[in-house]
Amino acid sequence: MRYFLLIFLFGCNVTAQTESETAKKDREFEKLLSKVEENTKASAKVQEEASKKQTQIVTETVSKIITLKEENKDLKTELDEVKTKLDSATADTIMPFVLLPIPRKKDI
């Protein structure tokens, strides 16, 4: 009876220590699935941060464009005012312009 019990315990230990190939493959597959899940979560987090950054950049760009449009409009108005000043008679000199003929030399 002792030997039978000893053989039984030894047999259980030997078979319990060896792992079947399917169990190894299943464990590797579970590890792979957990890594895929981690990568998916990390990717979603990165995409969310990128979306926030993109929204921030677009908002800043739109505000800059609006500011530049207003500045451009102001500069055009100022340019038109300067053009009208230059074209008007008040911008001319106070003295009237007189074109004098060039005298001819009689003895060359």
PDB file of N, CA and C in Angstrom:
ATOM      1  N   MET A   1       0.808  -1.170   0.000  1.00  0.00           N
ATOM      2  CA  MET A   1       0.000   0.000   0.000  1.00  0.00           C
ATOM      3  C   MET A   1       0.871   1.262   0.000  1.00  0.00           C
ATOM      4  N   ARG A   2       1.985   1.208   0.739  1.00  0.00           N
ATOM      5  CA  ARG A   2       2.886   2.342   0.738  1.00  0.00           C
ATOM      6  C   ARG A   2       3.447   2.613  -0.657  1.00  0.00           C
ATOM      7  N   TYR A   3       3.828   1.541  -1.295  1.00  0.00           N
ATOM      8  CA  TYR A   3       4.415   1.703  -2.615  1.00  0.00           C
ATOM      9  C   TYR A   3       3.390   2.239  -3.615  1.00  0.00           C
ATOM     10  N   PHE A   4       2.198   1.754  -3.462  1.00  0.00           N
ATOM     11  CA  PHE A   4       1.139   2.216  -4.340  1.00  0.00           C
ATOM     12  C   PHE A   4       0.885   3.721  -4.134  1.00  0.00           C
ATOM     13  N   LEU A   5       0.835   4.142  -2.885  1.00  0.00           N
ATOM     14  CA  LEU A   5       0.646   5.550  -2.572  1.00  0.00           C
ATOM     15  C   LEU A   5       1.827   6.375  -3.066  1.00  0.00           C
ATOM     16  N   LEU A   6       3.022   5.864  -2.894  1.00  0.00           N
ATOM     17  CA  LEU A   6       4.232   6.548  -3.344  1.00  0.00           C
ATOM     18  C   LEU A   6       4.252   6.671  -4.863  1.00  0.00           C
ATOM     19  N   ILE A   7       3.895   5.627  -5.572  1.00  0.00           N
ATOM     20  CA  ILE A   7       3.865   5.651  -7.038  1.00  0.00           C
ATOM     21  C   ILE A   7       2.779   6.614  -7.513  1.00  0.00           C
ATOM     22  N   PHE A   8       1.653   6.600  -6.822  1.00  0.00           N
ATOM     23  CA  PHE A   8       0.563   7.491  -7.194  1.00  0.00           C
ATOM     24  C   PHE A   8       0.964   8.958  -7.025  1.00  0.00           C
ATOM     25  N   LEU A   9       1.588   9.301  -5.905  1.00  0.00           N
ATOM     26  CA  LEU A   9       2.037  10.677  -5.669  1.00  0.00           C
ATOM     27  C   LEU A   9       3.115  11.097  -6.665  1.00  0.00           C
ATOM     28  N   PHE A  10       4.043  10.165  -6.940  1.00  0.00           N
ATOM     29  CA  PHE A  10       5.098  10.464  -7.899  1.00  0.00           C
ATOM     30  C   PHE A  10       4.504  10.683  -9.292  1.00  0.00           C
ATOM     31  N   GLY A  11       3.555   9.881  -9.674  1.00  0.00           N
ATOM     32  CA  GLY A  11       2.893  10.009 -10.970  1.00  0.00           C
ATOM     33  C   GLY A  11       2.128  11.311 -11.080  1.00  0.00           C
ATOM     34  N   CYS A  12       1.481  11.724 -10.006  1.00  0.00           N
ATOM     35  CA  CYS A  12       0.737  12.980 -10.030  1.00  0.00           C
ATOM     36  C   CYS A  12       1.680  14.169 -10.145  1.00  0.00           C
ATOM     37  N   ASN A  13       2.805  14.108  -9.464  1.00  0.00           N
ATOM     38  CA  ASN A  13       3.772  15.205  -9.529  1.00  0.00           C
ATOM     39  C   ASN A  13       4.378  15.332 -10.920  1.00  0.00           C
ATOM     40  N   VAL A  14       4.682  14.224 -11.543  1.00  0.00           N
ATOM     41  CA  VAL A  14       5.295  14.262 -12.864  1.00  0.00           C
ATOM     42  C   VAL A  14       4.313  14.814 -13.893  1.00  0.00           C
ATOM     43  N   THR A  15       3.084  14.357 -13.862  1.00  0.00           N
ATOM     44  CA  THR A  15       2.116  14.822 -14.844  1.00  0.00           C
ATOM     45  C   THR A  15       1.669  16.256 -14.549  1.00  0.00           C
ATOM     46  N   ALA A  16       1.683  16.673 -13.300  1.00  0.00           N
ATOM     47  CA  ALA A  16       1.268  18.022 -12.954  1.00  0.00           C
ATOM     48  C   ALA A  16       2.321  19.048 -13.348  1.00  0.00           C
ATOM     49  N   GLN A  17       3.575  18.654 -13.399  1.00  0.00           N
ATOM     50  CA  GLN A  17       4.643  19.590 -13.710  1.00  0.00           C
ATOM     51  C   GLN A  17       4.777  19.845 -15.205  1.00  0.00           C
ATOM     52  N   THR A  18       4.442  18.911 -16.017  1.00  0.00           N
ATOM     53  CA  THR A  18       4.549  19.123 -17.459  1.00  0.00           C
ATOM     54  C   THR A  18       3.278  19.799 -17.954  1.00  0.00           C
ATOM     55  N   GLU A  19       3.476  20.795 -18.769  1.00  0.00           N
ATOM     56  CA  GLU A  19       2.356  21.560 -19.288  1.00  0.00           C
ATOM     57  C   GLU A  19       2.130  21.153 -20.731  1.00  0.00           C
ATOM     58  N   SER A  20       0.899  21.007 -21.103  1.00  0.00           N
ATOM     59  CA  SER A  20       0.600  20.583 -22.466  1.00  0.00           C
ATOM     60  C   SER A  20       0.877  21.734 -23.439  1.00  0.00           C
ATOM     61  N   GLU A  21       1.059  21.393 -24.687  1.00  0.00           N
ATOM     62  CA  GLU A  21       1.345  22.367 -25.729  1.00  0.00           C
ATOM     63  C   GLU A  21       0.165  23.321 -25.931  1.00  0.00           C
ATOM     64  N   THR A  22      -1.035  22.804 -25.857  1.00  0.00           N
ATOM     65  CA  THR A  22      -2.205  23.656 -26.050  1.00  0.00           C
ATOM     66  C   THR A  22      -2.325  24.689 -24.935  1.00  0.00           C
ATOM     67  N   ALA A  23      -1.978  24.302 -23.710  1.00  0.00           N
ATOM     68  CA  ALA A  23      -2.033  25.247 -22.598  1.00  0.00           C
ATOM     69  C   ALA A  23      -0.993  26.348 -22.795  1.00  0.00           C
ATOM     70  N   LYS A  24       0.196  25.960 -23.285  1.00  0.00           N
ATOM     71  CA  LYS A  24       1.241  26.962 -23.559  1.00  0.00           C
ATOM     72  C   LYS A  24       0.780  27.921 -24.649  1.00  0.00           C
ATOM     73  N   LYS A  25       0.197  27.378 -25.703  1.00  0.00           N
ATOM     74  CA  LYS A  25      -0.276  28.226 -26.797  1.00  0.00           C
ATOM     75  C   LYS A  25      -1.409  29.142 -26.329  1.00  0.00           C
ATOM     76  N   ASP A  26      -2.288  28.589 -25.501  1.00  0.00           N
ATOM     77  CA  ASP A  26      -3.384  29.411 -24.972  1.00  0.00           C
ATOM     78  C   ASP A  26      -2.850  30.549 -24.106  1.00  0.00           C
ATOM     79  N   ARG A  27      -1.858  30.276 -23.282  1.00  0.00           N
ATOM     80  CA  ARG A  27      -1.293  31.311 -22.431  1.00  0.00           C
ATOM     81  C   ARG A  27      -0.593  32.382 -23.268  1.00  0.00           C
ATOM     82  N   GLU A  28       0.139  31.968 -24.300  1.00  0.00           N
ATOM     83  CA  GLU A  28       0.790  32.919 -25.196  1.00  0.00           C
ATOM     84  C   GLU A  28      -0.255  33.759 -25.942  1.00  0.00           C
ATOM     85  N   PHE A  29      -1.342  33.115 -26.339  1.00  0.00           N
ATOM     86  CA  PHE A  29      -2.417  33.831 -27.022  1.00  0.00           C
ATOM     87  C   PHE A  29      -3.063  34.855 -26.095  1.00  0.00           C
ATOM     88  N   GLU A  30      -3.264  34.487 -24.843  1.00  0.00           N
ATOM     89  CA  GLU A  30      -3.822  35.419 -23.853  1.00  0.00           C
ATOM     90  C   GLU A  30      -2.881  36.618 -23.655  1.00  0.00           C
ATOM     91  N   LYS A  31      -1.574  36.364 -23.593  1.00  0.00           N
ATOM     92  CA  LYS A  31      -0.599  37.454 -23.464  1.00  0.00           C
ATOM     93  C   LYS A  31      -0.671  38.372 -24.677  1.00  0.00           C
ATOM     94  N   LEU A  32      -0.761  37.775 -25.843  1.00  0.00           N
ATOM     95  CA  LEU A  32      -0.846  38.550 -27.072  1.00  0.00           C
ATOM     96  C   LEU A  32      -2.112  39.412 -27.089  1.00  0.00           C
ATOM     97  N   LEU A  33      -3.226  38.827 -26.670  1.00  0.00           N
ATOM     98  CA  LEU A  33      -4.475  39.588 -26.617  1.00  0.00           C
ATOM     99  C   LEU A  33      -4.392  40.730 -25.618  1.00  0.00           C
ATOM    100  N   SER A  34      -3.747  40.511 -24.491  1.00  0.00           N
ATOM    101  CA  SER A  34      -3.613  41.584 -23.501  1.00  0.00           C
ATOM    102  C   SER A  34      -2.726  42.706 -24.044  1.00  0.00           C
ATOM    103  N   LYS A  35      -1.669  42.343 -24.781  1.00  0.00           N
ATOM    104  CA  LYS A  35      -0.813  43.363 -25.382  1.00  0.00           C
ATOM    105  C   LYS A  35      -1.577  44.162 -26.443  1.00  0.00           C
ATOM    106  N   VAL A  36      -2.403  43.484 -27.220  1.00  0.00           N
ATOM    107  CA  VAL A  36      -3.208  44.163 -28.236  1.00  0.00           C
ATOM    108  C   VAL A  36      -4.173  45.135 -27.561  1.00  0.00           C
ATOM    109  N   GLU A  37      -4.777  44.702 -26.472  1.00  0.00           N
ATOM    110  CA  GLU A  37      -5.704  45.565 -25.745  1.00  0.00           C
ATOM    111  C   GLU A  37      -4.986  46.786 -25.173  1.00  0.00           C
ATOM    112  N   GLU A  38      -3.787  46.584 -24.623  1.00  0.00           N
ATOM    113  CA  GLU A  38      -2.996  47.709 -24.115  1.00  0.00           C
ATOM    114  C   GLU A  38      -2.645  48.677 -25.242  1.00  0.00           C
ATOM    115  N   ASN A  39      -2.246  48.140 -26.375  1.00  0.00           N
ATOM    116  CA  ASN A  39      -1.902  48.992 -27.522  1.00  0.00           C
ATOM    117  C   ASN A  39      -3.117  49.772 -28.014  1.00  0.00           C
ATOM    118  N   THR A  40      -4.276  49.136 -28.006  1.00  0.00           N
ATOM    119  CA  THR A  40      -5.501  49.807 -28.433  1.00  0.00           C
ATOM    120  C   THR A  40      -5.832  50.961 -27.499  1.00  0.00           C
ATOM    121  N   LYS A  41      -5.697  50.730 -26.191  1.00  0.00           N
ATOM    122  CA  LYS A  41      -5.960  51.792 -25.216  1.00  0.00           C
ATOM    123  C   LYS A  41      -4.965  52.938 -25.380  1.00  0.00           C
ATOM    124  N   ALA A  42      -3.689  52.593 -25.564  1.00  0.00           N
ATOM    125  CA  ALA A  42      -2.668  53.628 -25.754  1.00  0.00           C
ATOM    126  C   ALA A  42      -2.916  54.409 -27.040  1.00  0.00           C
ATOM    127  N   SER A  43      -3.306  53.715 -28.082  1.00  0.00           N
ATOM    128  CA  SER A  43      -3.593  54.381 -29.356  1.00  0.00           C
ATOM    129  C   SER A  43      -4.783  55.327 -29.217  1.00  0.00           C
ATOM    130  N   ALA A  44      -5.809  54.897 -28.515  1.00  0.00           N
ATOM    131  CA  ALA A  44      -6.975  55.757 -28.314  1.00  0.00           C
ATOM    132  C   ALA A  44      -6.597  56.998 -27.517  1.00  0.00           C
ATOM    133  N   LYS A  45      -5.750  56.832 -26.526  1.00  0.00           N
ATOM    134  CA  LYS A  45      -5.308  57.971 -25.714  1.00  0.00           C
ATOM    135  C   LYS A  45      -4.504  58.957 -26.561  1.00  0.00           C
ATOM    136  N   VAL A  46      -3.600  58.432 -27.380  1.00  0.00           N
ATOM    137  CA  VAL A  46      -2.772  59.285 -28.237  1.00  0.00           C
ATOM    138  C   VAL A  46      -3.643  60.014 -29.257  1.00  0.00           C
ATOM    139  N   GLN A  47      -4.612  59.323 -29.821  1.00  0.00           N
ATOM    140  CA  GLN A  47      -5.508  59.955 -30.790  1.00  0.00           C
ATOM    141  C   GLN A  47      -6.334  61.055 -30.145  1.00  0.00           C
ATOM    142  N   GLU A  48      -6.761  60.832 -28.914  1.00  0.00           N
ATOM    143  CA  GLU A  48      -7.529  61.857 -28.205  1.00  0.00           C
ATOM    144  C   GLU A  48      -6.677  63.099 -27.953  1.00  0.00           C
ATOM    145  N   GLU A  49      -5.429  62.893 -27.522  1.00  0.00           N
ATOM    146  CA  GLU A  49      -4.523  64.020 -27.292  1.00  0.00           C
ATOM    147  C   GLU A  49      -4.221  64.745 -28.602  1.00  0.00           C
ATOM    148  N   ALA A  50      -4.025  63.981 -29.670  1.00  0.00           N
ATOM    149  CA  ALA A  50      -3.757  64.591 -30.975  1.00  0.00           C
ATOM    150  C   ALA A  50      -4.966  65.401 -31.451  1.00  0.00           C
ATOM    151  N   SER A  51      -6.145  64.899 -31.198  1.00  0.00           N
ATOM    152  CA  SER A  51      -7.363  65.623 -31.584  1.00  0.00           C
ATOM    153  C   SER A  51      -7.480  66.933 -30.812  1.00  0.00           C
ATOM    154  N   LYS A  52      -7.173  66.904 -29.526  1.00  0.00           N
ATOM    155  CA  LYS A  52      -7.198  68.127 -28.721  1.00  0.00           C
ATOM    156  C   LYS A  52      -6.185  69.137 -29.242  1.00  0.00           C
ATOM    157  N   LYS A  53      -4.983  68.669 -29.546  1.00  0.00           N
ATOM    158  CA  LYS A  53      -3.935  69.552 -30.055  1.00  0.00           C
ATOM    159  C   LYS A  53      -4.334  70.130 -31.411  1.00  0.00           C
ATOM    160  N   GLN A  54      -4.928  69.302 -32.257  1.00  0.00           N
ATOM    161  CA  GLN A  54      -5.360  69.770 -33.577  1.00  0.00           C
ATOM    162  C   GLN A  54      -6.436  70.840 -33.430  1.00  0.00           C
ATOM    163  N   THR A  55      -7.368  70.624 -32.522  1.00  0.00           N
ATOM    164  CA  THR A  55      -8.426  71.613 -32.286  1.00  0.00           C
ATOM    165  C   THR A  55      -7.828  72.924 -31.803  1.00  0.00           C
ATOM    166  N   GLN A  56      -6.845  72.831 -30.922  1.00  0.00           N
ATOM    167  CA  GLN A  56      -6.181  74.038 -30.407  1.00  0.00           C
ATOM    168  C   GLN A  56      -5.478  74.782 -31.533  1.00  0.00           C
ATOM    169  N   ILE A  57      -4.767  74.064 -32.375  1.00  0.00           N
ATOM    170  CA  ILE A  57      -4.035  74.686 -33.490  1.00  0.00           C
ATOM    171  C   ILE A  57      -5.006  75.343 -34.467  1.00  0.00           C
ATOM    172  N   VAL A  58      -6.107  74.665 -34.775  1.00  0.00           N
ATOM    173  CA  VAL A  58      -7.090  75.222 -35.701  1.00  0.00           C
ATOM    174  C   VAL A  58      -7.701  76.490 -35.125  1.00  0.00           C
ATOM    175  N   THR A  59      -8.021  76.472 -33.832  1.00  0.00           N
ATOM    176  CA  THR A  59      -8.602  77.650 -33.191  1.00  0.00           C
ATOM    177  C   THR A  59      -7.642  78.828 -33.243  1.00  0.00           C
ATOM    178  N   GLU A  60      -6.370  78.579 -32.921  1.00  0.00           N
ATOM    179  CA  GLU A  60      -5.368  79.647 -32.975  1.00  0.00           C
ATOM    180  C   GLU A  60      -5.206  80.179 -34.387  1.00  0.00           C
ATOM    181  N   THR A  61      -5.185  79.300 -35.354  1.00  0.00           N
ATOM    182  CA  THR A  61      -5.013  79.711 -36.745  1.00  0.00           C
ATOM    183  C   THR A  61      -6.190  80.549 -37.224  1.00  0.00           C
ATOM    184  N   VAL A  62      -7.391  80.144 -36.858  1.00  0.00           N
ATOM    185  CA  VAL A  62      -8.577  80.900 -37.257  1.00  0.00           C
ATOM    186  C   VAL A  62      -8.544  82.296 -36.649  1.00  0.00           C
ATOM    187  N   SER A  63      -8.161  82.384 -35.388  1.00  0.00           N
ATOM    188  CA  SER A  63      -8.103  83.714 -34.760  1.00  0.00           C
ATOM    189  C   SER A  63      -7.032  84.583 -35.420  1.00  0.00           C
ATOM    190  N   LYS A  64      -5.904  83.991 -35.789  1.00  0.00           N
ATOM    191  CA  LYS A  64      -4.855  84.751 -36.480  1.00  0.00           C
ATOM    192  C   LYS A  64      -5.342  85.223 -37.851  1.00  0.00           C
ATOM    193  N   ILE A  65      -6.061  84.357 -38.550  1.00  0.00           N
ATOM    194  CA  ILE A  65      -6.574  84.725 -39.878  1.00  0.00           C
ATOM    195  C   ILE A  65      -7.560  85.875 -39.758  1.00  0.00           C
ATOM    196  N   ILE A  66      -8.430  85.820 -38.761  1.00  0.00           N
ATOM    197  CA  ILE A  66      -9.404  86.897 -38.571  1.00  0.00           C
ATOM    198  C   ILE A  66      -8.683  88.209 -38.259  1.00  0.00           C
ATOM    199  N   THR A  67      -7.670  88.130 -37.393  1.00  0.00           N
ATOM    200  CA  THR A  67      -6.896  89.325 -37.052  1.00  0.00           C
ATOM    201  C   THR A  67      -6.199  89.889 -38.280  1.00  0.00           C
ATOM    202  N   LEU A  68      -5.599  89.022 -39.084  1.00  0.00           N
ATOM    203  CA  LEU A  68      -4.906  89.477 -40.289  1.00  0.00           C
ATOM    204  C   LEU A  68      -5.878  90.067 -41.313  1.00  0.00           C
ATOM    205  N   LYS A  69      -7.077  89.511 -41.422  1.00  0.00           N
ATOM    206  CA  LYS A  69      -8.066  90.075 -42.339  1.00  0.00           C
ATOM    207  C   LYS A  69      -8.463  91.479 -41.913  1.00  0.00           C
ATOM    208  N   GLU A  70      -8.669  91.662 -40.614  1.00  0.00           N
ATOM    209  CA  GLU A  70      -9.023  92.993 -40.116  1.00  0.00           C
ATOM    210  C   GLU A  70      -7.888  93.984 -40.351  1.00  0.00           C
ATOM    211  N   GLU A  71      -6.648  93.529 -40.094  1.00  0.00           N
ATOM    212  CA  GLU A  71      -5.497  94.402 -40.317  1.00  0.00           C
ATOM    213  C   GLU A  71      -5.360  94.740 -41.795  1.00  0.00           C
ATOM    214  N   ASN A  72      -5.584  93.770 -42.655  1.00  0.00           N
ATOM    215  CA  ASN A  72      -5.514  93.992 -44.096  1.00  0.00           C
ATOM    216  C   ASN A  72      -6.570  95.008 -44.525  1.00  0.00           C
ATOM    217  N   LYS A  73      -7.764  94.886 -43.980  1.00  0.00           N
ATOM    218  CA  LYS A  73      -8.841  95.830 -44.307  1.00  0.00           C
ATOM    219  C   LYS A  73      -8.471  97.240 -43.855  1.00  0.00           C
ATOM    220  N   ASP A  74      -7.903  97.354 -42.643  1.00  0.00           N
ATOM    221  CA  ASP A  74      -7.481  98.664 -42.145  1.00  0.00           C
ATOM    222  C   ASP A  74      -6.385  99.267 -43.017  1.00  0.00           C
ATOM    223  N   LEU A  75      -5.431  98.427 -43.429  1.00  0.00           N
ATOM    224  CA  LEU A  75      -4.337  98.918 -44.275  1.00  0.00           C
ATOM    225  C   LEU A  75      -4.851  99.362 -45.647  1.00  0.00           C
ATOM    226  N   LYS A  76      -5.817  98.644 -46.184  1.00  0.00           N
ATOM    227  CA  LYS A  76      -6.390  99.049 -47.471  1.00  0.00           C
ATOM    228  C   LYS A  76      -7.104 100.388 -47.342  1.00  0.00           C
ATOM    229  N   THR A  77      -7.823 100.555 -46.254  1.00  0.00           N
ATOM    230  CA  THR A  77      -8.511 101.826 -46.026  1.00  0.00           C
ATOM    231  C   THR A  77      -7.505 102.964 -45.910  1.00  0.00           C
ATOM    232  N   GLU A  78      -6.441 102.722 -45.162  1.00  0.00           N
ATOM    233  CA  GLU A  78      -5.395 103.736 -44.999  1.00  0.00           C
ATOM    234  C   GLU A  78      -4.731 104.051 -46.334  1.00  0.00           C
ATOM    235  N   LEU A  79      -4.484 103.019 -47.132  1.00  0.00           N
ATOM    236  CA  LEU A  79      -3.876 103.219 -48.445  1.00  0.00           C
ATOM    237  C   LEU A  79      -4.798 104.049 -49.344  1.00  0.00           C
ATOM    238  N   ASP A  80      -6.088 103.760 -49.312  1.00  0.00           N
ATOM    239  CA  ASP A  80      -7.037 104.552 -50.102  1.00  0.00           C
ATOM    240  C   ASP A  80      -7.034 106.015 -49.674  1.00  0.00           C
ATOM    241  N   GLU A  81      -6.951 106.255 -48.380  1.00  0.00           N
ATOM    242  CA  GLU A  81      -6.895 107.627 -47.884  1.00  0.00           C
ATOM    243  C   GLU A  81      -5.642 108.343 -48.369  1.00  0.00           C
ATOM    244  N   VAL A  82      -4.511 107.644 -48.343  1.00  0.00           N
ATOM    245  CA  VAL A  82      -3.257 108.237 -48.808  1.00  0.00           C
ATOM    246  C   VAL A  82      -3.338 108.512 -50.306  1.00  0.00           C
ATOM    247  N   LYS A  83      -3.928 107.605 -51.059  1.00  0.00           N
ATOM    248  CA  LYS A  83      -4.071 107.819 -52.505  1.00  0.00           C
ATOM    249  C   LYS A  83      -4.930 109.038 -52.802  1.00  0.00           C
ATOM    250  N   THR A  84      -6.025 109.181 -52.084  1.00  0.00           N
ATOM    251  CA  THR A  84      -6.879 110.337 -52.337  1.00  0.00           C
ATOM    252  C   THR A  84      -6.181 111.631 -51.963  1.00  0.00           C
ATOM    253  N   LYS A  85      -5.368 111.603 -50.917  1.00  0.00           N
ATOM    254  CA  LYS A  85      -4.601 112.800 -50.545  1.00  0.00           C
ATOM    255  C   LYS A  85      -3.606 113.154 -51.632  1.00  0.00           C
ATOM    256  N   LEU A  86      -2.917 112.157 -52.151  1.00  0.00           N
ATOM    257  CA  LEU A  86      -1.914 112.413 -53.183  1.00  0.00           C
ATOM    258  C   LEU A  86      -2.551 112.874 -54.483  1.00  0.00           C
ATOM    259  N   ASP A  87      -3.722 112.379 -54.772  1.00  0.00           N
ATOM    260  CA  ASP A  87      -4.395 112.764 -56.010  1.00  0.00           C
ATOM    261  C   ASP A  87      -5.067 114.128 -55.920  1.00  0.00           C
ATOM    262  N   SER A  88      -5.312 114.574 -54.743  1.00  0.00           N
ATOM    263  CA  SER A  88      -6.014 115.854 -54.605  1.00  0.00           C
ATOM    264  C   SER A  88      -5.069 117.029 -54.859  1.00  0.00           C
ATOM    265  N   ALA A  89      -5.651 118.178 -55.089  1.00  0.00           N
ATOM    266  CA  ALA A  89      -4.878 119.388 -55.379  1.00  0.00           C
ATOM    267  C   ALA A  89      -4.235 119.942 -54.122  1.00  0.00           C
ATOM    268  N   THR A  90      -4.750 119.595 -52.978  1.00  0.00           N
ATOM    269  CA  THR A  90      -4.189 120.138 -51.747  1.00  0.00           C
ATOM    270  C   THR A  90      -2.821 119.548 -51.437  1.00  0.00           C
ATOM    271  N   ALA A  91      -2.516 118.441 -52.024  1.00  0.00           N
ATOM    272  CA  ALA A  91      -1.225 117.832 -51.768  1.00  0.00           C
ATOM    273  C   ALA A  91      -0.116 118.471 -52.598  1.00  0.00           C
ATOM    274  N   ASP A  92      -0.503 119.218 -53.607  1.00  0.00           N
ATOM    275  CA  ASP A  92       0.497 119.888 -54.436  1.00  0.00           C
ATOM    276  C   ASP A  92       1.168 120.996 -53.646  1.00  0.00           C
ATOM    277  N   THR A  93       2.224 121.513 -54.240  1.00  0.00           N
ATOM    278  CA  THR A  93       2.924 122.617 -53.584  1.00  0.00           C
ATOM    279  C   THR A  93       2.053 123.864 -53.583  1.00  0.00           C
ATOM    280  N   ILE A  94       2.394 124.784 -52.758  1.00  0.00           N
ATOM    281  CA  ILE A  94       1.601 126.009 -52.645  1.00  0.00           C
ATOM    282  C   ILE A  94       1.753 126.871 -53.892  1.00  0.00           C
ATOM    283  N   MET A  95       2.945 126.884 -54.441  1.00  0.00           N
ATOM    284  CA  MET A  95       3.192 127.713 -55.631  1.00  0.00           C
ATOM    285  C   MET A  95       2.755 126.961 -56.873  1.00  0.00           C
ATOM    286  N   PRO A  96       2.135 127.638 -57.794  1.00  0.00           N
ATOM    287  CA  PRO A  96       1.724 126.972 -59.030  1.00  0.00           C
ATOM    288  C   PRO A  96       2.946 126.610 -59.870  1.00  0.00           C
ATOM    289  N   PHE A  97       2.821 125.551 -60.601  1.00  0.00           N
ATOM    290  CA  PHE A  97       3.924 125.062 -61.421  1.00  0.00           C
ATOM    291  C   PHE A  97       3.910 125.778 -62.762  1.00  0.00           C
ATOM    292  N   VAL A  98       5.074 126.330 -63.114  1.00  0.00           N
ATOM    293  CA  VAL A  98       5.201 127.044 -64.390  1.00  0.00           C
ATOM    294  C   VAL A  98       6.358 126.413 -65.147  1.00  0.00           C
ATOM    295  N   LEU A  99       6.104 126.040 -66.368  1.00  0.00           N
ATOM    296  CA  LEU A  99       7.129 125.436 -67.193  1.00  0.00           C
ATOM    297  C   LEU A  99       7.740 126.532 -68.065  1.00  0.00           C
ATOM    298  N   LEU A 100       8.986 126.790 -67.877  1.00  0.00           N
ATOM    299  CA  LEU A 100       9.678 127.828 -68.646  1.00  0.00           C
ATOM    300  C   LEU A 100      10.398 127.209 -69.826  1.00  0.00           C
ATOM    301  N   PRO A 101      10.372 127.872 -70.944  1.00  0.00           N
ATOM    302  CA  PRO A 101      11.070 127.324 -72.106  1.00  0.00           C
ATOM    303  C   PRO A 101      12.583 127.449 -71.933  1.00  0.00           C
ATOM    304  N   ILE A 102      13.304 126.561 -72.589  1.00  0.00           N
ATOM    305  CA  ILE A 102      14.755 126.584 -72.535  1.00  0.00           C
ATOM    306  C   ILE A 102      15.245 127.586 -73.572  1.00  0.00           C
ATOM    307  N   PRO A 103      16.064 128.545 -73.137  1.00  0.00           N
ATOM    308  CA  PRO A 103      16.534 129.537 -74.135  1.00  0.00           C
ATOM    309  C   PRO A 103      17.553 128.896 -75.085  1.00  0.00           C
ATOM    310  N   ARG A 104      17.483 129.346 -76.314  1.00  0.00           N
ATOM    311  CA  ARG A 104      18.416 128.839 -77.314  1.00  0.00           C
ATOM    312  C   ARG A 104      19.646 129.731 -77.348  1.00  0.00           C
ATOM    313  N   LYS A 105      20.760 129.088 -77.517  1.00  0.00           N
ATOM    314  CA  LYS A 105      21.988 129.865 -77.633  1.00  0.00           C
ATOM    315  C   LYS A 105      22.138 130.293 -79.085  1.00  0.00           C
ATOM    316  N   LYS A 106      22.462 131.538 -79.271  1.00  0.00           N
ATOM    317  CA  LYS A 106      22.568 132.054 -80.625  1.00  0.00           C
ATOM    318  C   LYS A 106      23.939 131.740 -81.218  1.00  0.00           C
ATOM    319  N   ASP A 107      24.953 131.788 -80.409  1.00  0.00           N
ATOM    320  CA  ASP A 107      26.305 131.508 -80.915  1.00  0.00           C
ATOM    321  C   ASP A 107      26.782 130.178 -80.345  1.00  0.00           C
ATOM    322  N   ILE A 108      26.983 129.274 -81.212  1.00  0.00           N
ATOM    323  CA  ILE A 108      27.505 127.985 -80.775  1.00  0.00           C
ATOM    324  C   ILE A 108      28.924 127.809 -81.188  1.00  0.00           C
TER     325      ILE A 108
END
